[in-house]
């Protein structure tokens, strides 16, 4: 039950993100497309290092670390 609710929540978030990106591609003066936003954000070396560190942290805690025991 909980797993289905969480999966549905992630699916809704993904669909909203796709919808926002489609809207951004059609009206780039209103909402910046993801590619333009990432180009702007990744100009700084500090933010590139922070993004790599964040991905490493997420990957470690959600893919490799044995922190939570779920009985699904």
Protein backbone atom coordinates (compact mmCIF):
# COMPACT_ATOMS: atom_id res chain seq x y z
CA UNK A 1 0.00 0.00 0.00
CA UNK A 2 2.64 2.53 1.02
CA UNK A 3 4.92 1.46 -1.85
CA UNK A 4 2.11 2.06 -4.37
CA UNK A 5 1.45 5.49 -2.91
CA UNK A 6 5.13 6.44 -3.09
CA UNK A 7 5.44 5.13 -6.65
CA UNK A 8 2.34 7.08 -7.68
CA UNK A 9 3.76 10.22 -6.08
CA UNK A 10 7.02 9.88 -8.03
CA UNK A 11 5.05 9.24 -11.23
CA UNK A 12 3.03 12.42 -10.67
CA UNK A 13 6.22 14.41 -10.05
CA UNK A 14 7.77 13.01 -13.24
CA UNK A 15 4.66 13.86 -15.28
CA UNK A 16 4.61 17.40 -13.89
CA UNK A 17 8.30 17.82 -14.75
CA UNK A 18 7.68 16.60 -18.31
CA UNK A 19 4.72 18.97 -18.63
CA UNK A 20 6.74 21.93 -17.37
CA UNK A 21 9.56 21.10 -19.81
CA UNK A 22 7.15 20.91 -22.74
CA UNK A 23 5.69 24.27 -21.70
CA UNK A 24 9.21 25.71 -21.35
CA UNK A 25 10.17 24.53 -24.84
CA UNK A 26 7.11 26.29 -26.29
CA UNK A 27 7.46 29.51 -24.26
CA UNK A 28 11.14 29.91 -23.30
CA UNK A 29 10.63 33.58 -22.40
CA UNK A 30 8.25 32.54 -19.57
CA UNK A 31 9.98 29.45 -18.15
CA UNK A 32 13.59 28.49 -18.85
CA UNK A 33 14.04 25.04 -20.41
CA UNK A 34 16.10 22.61 -18.34
CA UNK A 35 19.05 22.74 -20.73
CA UNK A 36 19.32 26.52 -20.51
CA UNK A 37 18.96 26.41 -16.74
CA UNK A 38 21.69 23.79 -16.37
CA UNK A 39 24.00 25.75 -18.72
CA UNK A 40 23.59 28.80 -16.50
CA UNK A 41 24.01 26.91 -13.22
CA UNK A 42 27.02 24.86 -14.34
CA UNK A 43 29.14 27.89 -15.30
CA UNK A 44 30.64 28.03 -11.83
CA UNK A 45 33.18 25.42 -10.75
CA UNK A 46 31.78 25.52 -7.22
CA UNK A 47 28.29 24.52 -8.34
CA UNK A 48 29.69 21.73 -10.54
CA UNK A 49 31.52 20.29 -7.52
CA UNK A 50 28.39 20.68 -5.38
CA UNK A 51 26.25 18.86 -7.97
CA UNK A 52 28.75 15.99 -8.15
CA UNK A 53 28.85 15.80 -4.34
CA UNK A 54 25.05 15.80 -4.12
CA UNK A 55 24.73 13.00 -6.70
CA UNK A 56 27.39 11.01 -4.86
CA UNK A 57 25.56 11.48 -1.55
CA UNK A 58 22.19 10.45 -3.03
CA UNK A 59 23.74 7.47 -4.80
CA UNK A 60 25.53 6.30 -1.69
CA UNK A 61 22.56 6.65 0.65
CA UNK A 62 19.87 5.30 -1.64
CA UNK A 63 21.72 2.72 -3.72
CA UNK A 64 24.61 1.33 -1.68
CA UNK A 65 24.23 2.10 2.01
CA UNK A 66 22.42 -0.46 4.13
CA UNK A 67 20.64 2.15 6.23
CA UNK A 68 16.97 1.11 6.11
CA UNK A 69 15.54 -2.38 6.22
CA UNK A 70 12.27 -2.52 4.31
CA UNK A 71 10.12 -5.61 4.30
CA UNK A 72 8.19 -5.17 1.08
